Amino acid sequence: MHLRRCFSTLPQTFTDFVVPSYGRYTHIELSHGNGNRVWDTAGKSYLDFGGGIAVNSLGHAHPAILEAIQHQAGRIMHCSNLYLTVQQGELAERLVHLFGGAGKIFFCNSGAEANEGLFKLAKRYGLATGRHEIITAENSFHGRTLAAIAATGQDKIKAGFGPIVPGFAHVPFNDLNAVSNAINKDTAAVLIEGIQGEGGVTPATTEYLMGLRQLCDNNDILLMMDGVQCGHFRSGRFQSYQQILGVDSSFKPDAVSMAKSIGAGFPMGAFWADSAYADLLSAGSHGTTYGGNPLACAVAQAVLDVVEAEGLEENVRNNGQYLYDGLLDLQKEHKDVVSDVRGLGFMLGIVLKSNASDTPAADLVEALHQRGMLTVPAGTNVCRLLPALNTNKADIDECLAILKDAVQQI
């Protein structure tokens, strides 16, 4: 028998029974969604430009996702990775093709797990020569496990969890000289985000990416990229470095982590490793119970099908520019509030001035809630826009109108 509760008691239910590890908006109790819109239990609708923090790549209740889940759940949802499944093999082949046709995929369940796999890959790569250290960037974010918070370049993420796992060094983002100076005899790899998400929606520069590739080649160390938030077409290309450098660039990292948009809301993660390093993690050296299960792989295949069939890479590039241009107009109108607009595709950040408040991003997010729109803060002064990849101009126009009204208020 299921307990039925009045929706007004839900905040108390969370207080009583859910670990308080999130700063929740307790006045919003979400019920259901469709496309780029969600509804709360009181019937109020919200334009969702937070996208589950870059997860809901096809919005809510997309029919292709529903069909994939229903069909695969009726056949086989899970089996041990001791056996072969068609869904995992086919998805791996498609992802490897998107990386240029070489390398292999490891499937897991989240972005943190995908990055843990990269840490182990780097350490296994450096094992023969005693190298174990990984250089990451300040203001980066790589997950919530003990190793991932050690890799993350934000002190607030590490607070209260010492002693911190050793083996990570942090240097300023987009600073090639800082990386060069940090490389030493213990360095096994460099790990960066193509676009820093939690750190403020800051893209890597062309010079930085190309310089890192040369530095890593010269020092025989791995160049790894965290594509958990900025990857899987969110920038307008499969991976953000392809959008930053152009698809014809010779640039290629040695390994890339993935999650969020890959499953469109179904929990899934993965990492790709280039052919030279793909067999470093042999049988018994790494694993996961649920990773690559047939249900998750069927959903991820459906996401790729929709991206291809509906031309969503081009949609993100075109409508991402449309949204970006609209935000620039907003900045011009309200220079006293908005200091910058940055990002690529459907991963954009509105940088706010700290005038009347020390938390302008939180203030804007709350003002948008009141007007029926969901977004995500990044630190104290950046508001992130992370809409679904199939977002159209009508939704963008609505977003810009709500933003303009909210910005005028704050």
Foldseek 3Di string as FASTA:
>chain_A
DDDDDDPVCVVVVCVVPPPPPDPDPVVFAWDFWDFQWTAGPVGFIFREQALVVQFQQRTGPDVLLVVLLVVCVVPFFFDFPVDDDPLLVVLQQVVCVLQPRFFTKWKDFAQLVLVVVVLLLLQLQCVVQQARAEEEEALAARDLDLQRLLQYNDVVSCPPPDPGDDRYHYDHALDLVRVLVPDDSRYAEYEYECFGALSFGRGHAPCSQVSRVVSCVVVVHFYEYEQARQACLQQLGRGSVCVRHPVPDPDHGQKYKYFRHLQSPGGIIMMTGGNVRRCSCDPPNDDHGGTSGNSSSSSSVSSVVCCVVVVLSVLQQVVVVVLQVLVVVLCVVCVVFFVDWDHGRQWIKTFTDQDVHQQSQVQLQVQSVVVRYHWDANPRGIIIGNHHSPDDPVSSVVVSVSSSVSSVVD
